[in-house]
Protein backbone atom coordinates (compact mmCIF):
# COMPACT_ATOMS: atom_id res chain seq x y z
CA UNK A 1 137.98 98.91 148.38
CA UNK A 2 137.79 102.26 146.62
CA UNK A 3 135.41 102.70 143.72
CA UNK A 4 135.20 105.61 141.29
CA UNK A 5 131.84 106.17 139.58
CA UNK A 6 130.25 108.81 137.36
CA UNK A 7 126.68 109.68 138.27
CA UNK A 8 123.92 110.85 135.95
CA UNK A 9 120.91 112.01 138.02
CA UNK A 10 117.33 112.61 136.78
CA UNK A 11 117.22 109.60 134.47
CA UNK A 12 114.21 107.45 133.57
CA UNK A 13 115.50 104.40 135.44
CA UNK A 14 118.34 103.28 137.67
CA UNK A 15 121.00 101.64 135.52
CA UNK A 16 124.60 100.53 135.93
CA UNK A 17 126.92 100.69 132.91
CA UNK A 18 130.59 100.30 132.14
CA UNK A 19 131.64 103.06 129.74
CA UNK A 20 135.21 103.06 128.43
CA UNK A 21 136.45 101.14 131.45
CA UNK A 22 134.72 103.38 134.01
CA UNK A 23 131.53 102.69 135.96
CA UNK A 24 128.60 104.97 135.23
CA UNK A 25 125.38 104.92 137.23
CA UNK A 26 122.15 106.48 136.00
CA UNK A 27 119.84 107.41 138.87
CA UNK A 28 116.16 108.39 138.94
CA UNK A 29 116.76 110.70 141.89
CA UNK A 30 117.41 114.42 141.29
CA UNK A 31 120.66 116.06 142.32
CA UNK A 32 118.89 118.20 144.93
CA UNK A 33 119.48 118.24 148.70
CA UNK A 34 121.61 115.08 148.60
CA UNK A 35 118.80 112.90 147.23
CA UNK A 36 121.00 111.51 144.45
CA UNK A 37 123.73 110.61 146.97
CA UNK A 38 121.26 108.81 149.21
CA UNK A 39 119.75 106.99 146.27
CA UNK A 40 123.23 106.06 144.97
CA UNK A 41 124.11 104.35 148.25
CA UNK A 42 120.75 102.54 148.38
CA UNK A 43 121.08 101.41 144.75
CA UNK A 44 124.68 100.20 145.15
CA UNK A 45 123.85 98.39 148.39
CA UNK A 46 121.10 96.46 146.60
CA UNK A 47 123.33 95.66 143.61
CA UNK A 48 126.23 94.52 145.81
CA UNK A 49 123.91 92.78 148.29
CA UNK A 50 125.50 94.51 151.29
CA UNK A 51 124.24 96.95 153.92
CA UNK A 52 124.06 100.67 153.19
CA UNK A 53 126.42 101.34 156.09
CA UNK A 54 129.15 99.43 154.21
CA UNK A 55 129.26 102.17 151.53
CA UNK A 56 130.41 105.73 152.09
CA UNK A 57 131.16 108.68 149.83
CA UNK A 58 134.71 109.85 150.52
CA UNK A 59 134.93 112.58 147.84
CA UNK A 60 132.48 114.14 145.43
CA UNK A 61 129.50 114.98 147.63
CA UNK A 62 128.55 117.77 145.21
CA UNK A 63 130.13 116.34 142.07
CA UNK A 64 129.05 113.80 139.47
CA UNK A 65 132.36 112.00 139.95
CA UNK A 66 132.26 110.04 143.19
CA UNK A 67 135.01 108.37 145.18
CA UNK A 68 133.34 105.64 147.25
CA UNK A 69 134.66 103.38 149.99
CA UNK A 70 133.09 99.91 149.97
CA UNK A 71 133.73 97.45 152.82
CA UNK A 72 134.15 94.41 150.55
CA UNK A 73 136.93 92.88 148.47
CA UNK A 74 137.71 94.25 145.02
CA UNK A 75 136.94 90.88 143.39
CA UNK A 76 133.51 90.68 145.02
CA UNK A 77 132.57 94.24 144.04
CA UNK A 78 133.79 93.88 140.44
CA UNK A 79 131.94 90.58 140.03
CA UNK A 80 128.63 91.97 141.36
CA UNK A 81 128.89 95.16 139.29
CA UNK A 82 129.68 93.21 136.13
CA UNK A 83 126.73 90.91 136.70
CA UNK A 84 124.39 93.85 137.27
CA UNK A 85 125.66 95.64 134.16
CA UNK A 86 125.31 92.51 132.05
CA UNK A 87 129.03 92.34 131.18
């Protein structure tokens, strides 16, 4: 499944939110040397309860808008993200 997310690095805590229908992820990691990208994959893997190798960044390596490929069904991903966001 493809997933579009907006990233906000250098935040106080890791947090998943749904803002105006789009997923937004606040990350503690800085946007330096790919640290935010690595932390994003680790954070999403823990939220979705899947392995890190099941998530890859297809577009947006250097952008705050990311296009991710997740090796799970859309229903599973949406359910886990909604639970984590408290929606």
